Amino acid sequence: MIEHLSDIGEFIALSKSLLKPSGIFMAFCPNGNIEYRKREPHIWHGSWGDIHINLLDRDFASFAFKDHPYLILSDDWAFQMNQLSGWDQKSQVLGNKHDGKELLIIAKPNQKI
């Protein structure tokens, strides 16, 4: 539901303050990447604006957690378990697929890289 919030930065800051030092932030939302917009413009244009007030994409997510470990993936609701289990929780990883319908953001906002 993160795409419906009026201030995502405030939400991330609140999450960071509530998480333990080793805590994990996770968000799952519609993908706002340009690659998905080009792949399915009819669906994308029907989703953004009135329904989803914020456009979240991999650029936003990687900037929001630029100093922290993260795993950012895009897919059509079928994320590969090897990508999830293979993340070392210490590095910044952007998945290879850019045009998935959904965006998965996993980060450790209380740890620096």
Protein backbone atom coordinates (compact mmCIF):
# COMPACT_ATOMS: atom_id res chain seq x y z
CA MET A 1 0.00 0.00 0.00
CA ILE A 2 3.08 2.24 0.00
CA GLU A 3 2.05 3.75 -3.35
CA HIS A 4 -1.06 5.22 -1.68
CA LEU A 5 0.82 7.16 1.01
CA SER A 6 1.12 10.92 0.76
CA ASP A 7 4.70 11.02 2.11
CA ILE A 8 6.74 7.91 1.39
CA GLY A 9 9.94 9.44 2.80
CA GLU A 10 8.19 9.99 6.13
CA PHE A 11 6.96 6.39 6.09
CA ILE A 12 10.48 5.07 5.44
CA ALA A 13 11.85 7.24 8.26
CA LEU A 14 9.16 5.96 10.63
CA SER A 15 9.89 2.38 9.61
CA LYS A 16 13.58 2.92 10.24
CA SER A 17 12.87 4.28 13.73
CA LEU A 18 10.69 1.29 14.60
CA LEU A 19 12.94 -1.43 13.20
CA LYS A 20 15.64 -3.14 15.23
CA PRO A 21 19.22 -2.48 14.06
CA SER A 22 19.12 -5.66 11.95
CA GLY A 23 15.48 -5.14 10.90
CA ILE A 24 14.27 -5.49 7.33
CA PHE A 25 12.05 -3.02 5.47
CA MET A 26 9.91 -4.65 2.79
CA ALA A 27 7.49 -3.09 0.31
CA PHE A 28 5.58 -4.70 -2.54
CA CYS A 29 3.85 -2.36 -4.97
CA PRO A 30 2.99 -1.81 -8.64
CA ASN A 31 6.07 -1.20 -10.75
CA GLY A 32 6.46 2.34 -12.07
CA ASN A 33 9.54 1.61 -14.21
CA ILE A 34 9.50 2.96 -17.76
CA GLU A 35 10.08 -0.57 -19.08
CA TYR A 36 6.78 -1.73 -17.61
CA ARG A 37 4.99 1.38 -18.87
CA LYS A 38 6.20 0.55 -22.38
CA ARG A 39 5.33 -3.13 -22.06
CA GLU A 40 1.72 -2.62 -20.97
CA PRO A 41 0.73 1.04 -21.43
CA HIS A 42 -3.03 0.31 -21.28
CA ILE A 43 -2.71 -1.31 -17.85
CA TRP A 44 -0.18 1.17 -16.52
CA HIS A 45 -2.20 4.24 -17.50
CA GLY A 46 -5.28 2.76 -15.84
CA SER A 47 -3.42 2.20 -12.58
CA TRP A 48 -1.59 5.45 -11.90
CA GLY A 49 -3.05 8.79 -10.90
CA ASP A 50 -6.47 8.19 -9.42
CA ILE A 51 -5.76 4.73 -7.99
CA HIS A 52 -2.07 4.92 -7.09
CA ILE A 53 -1.00 8.43 -6.20
CA ASN A 54 2.73 7.68 -6.15
CA LEU A 55 4.95 6.27 -8.84
CA LEU A 56 7.56 3.96 -7.34
CA ASP A 57 10.32 2.53 -9.45
CA ARG A 58 13.77 1.04 -9.02
CA ASP A 59 15.38 4.49 -9.29
CA PHE A 60 13.28 5.80 -6.40
CA ALA A 61 13.95 2.73 -4.28
CA SER A 62 17.69 2.66 -4.91
CA PHE A 63 17.90 6.38 -4.07
CA ALA A 64 15.77 6.03 -0.93
CA PHE A 65 18.16 3.36 0.38
CA LYS A 66 21.33 4.59 -1.32
CA ASP A 67 23.51 4.11 1.77
CA HIS A 68 21.97 0.82 2.88
CA PRO A 69 21.87 -2.80 1.74
CA TYR A 70 18.92 -3.54 -0.53
CA LEU A 71 17.41 -6.04 -2.92
CA ILE A 72 15.10 -4.55 -5.55
CA LEU A 73 13.29 -6.91 -7.90
CA SER A 74 10.61 -6.59 -10.55
CA ASP A 75 8.46 -9.44 -11.82
CA ASP A 76 4.90 -10.55 -12.55
CA TRP A 77 4.12 -11.80 -9.02
CA ALA A 78 6.54 -14.74 -9.41
CA PHE A 79 9.80 -13.73 -7.79
CA GLN A 80 12.55 -16.30 -7.99
CA MET A 81 13.39 -17.84 -4.63
CA ASN A 82 17.07 -18.07 -5.55
CA GLN A 83 17.18 -14.28 -5.93
CA LEU A 84 15.59 -13.80 -2.53
CA SER A 85 17.59 -16.43 -0.69
CA GLY A 86 20.82 -15.48 -2.49
CA TRP A 87 20.86 -11.89 -1.23
CA ASP A 88 23.58 -11.54 1.41
CA GLN A 89 21.79 -8.64 3.21
CA LYS A 90 25.01 -6.62 3.00
CA SER A 91 25.08 -5.49 -0.62
CA GLN A 92 22.92 -3.52 -3.02
CA VAL A 93 21.31 -5.73 -5.65
CA LEU A 94 19.06 -4.66 -8.52
CA GLY A 95 17.38 -7.54 -10.31
CA ASN A 96 17.85 -8.02 -14.05
CA LYS A 97 14.15 -7.88 -14.93
CA HIS A 98 12.87 -4.31 -15.25
CA ASP A 99 9.43 -4.67 -16.82
CA GLY A 100 7.58 -6.77 -14.25
CA LYS A 101 4.15 -5.73 -13.05
CA GLU A 102 5.27 -5.57 -9.43
CA LEU A 103 8.22 -4.08 -7.59
CA LEU A 104 9.66 -5.72 -4.49
CA ILE A 105 11.86 -3.56 -2.27
CA ILE A 106 13.76 -5.17 0.58
CA ALA A 107 16.23 -3.06 2.53
CA LYS A 108 18.10 -2.85 5.82
CA PRO A 109 17.68 0.88 6.61
CA ASN A 110 19.53 0.71 9.93
CA GLN A 111 22.70 -0.73 8.40
CA LYS A 112 25.18 1.16 6.25
CA ILE A 113 27.06 -0.36 3.35
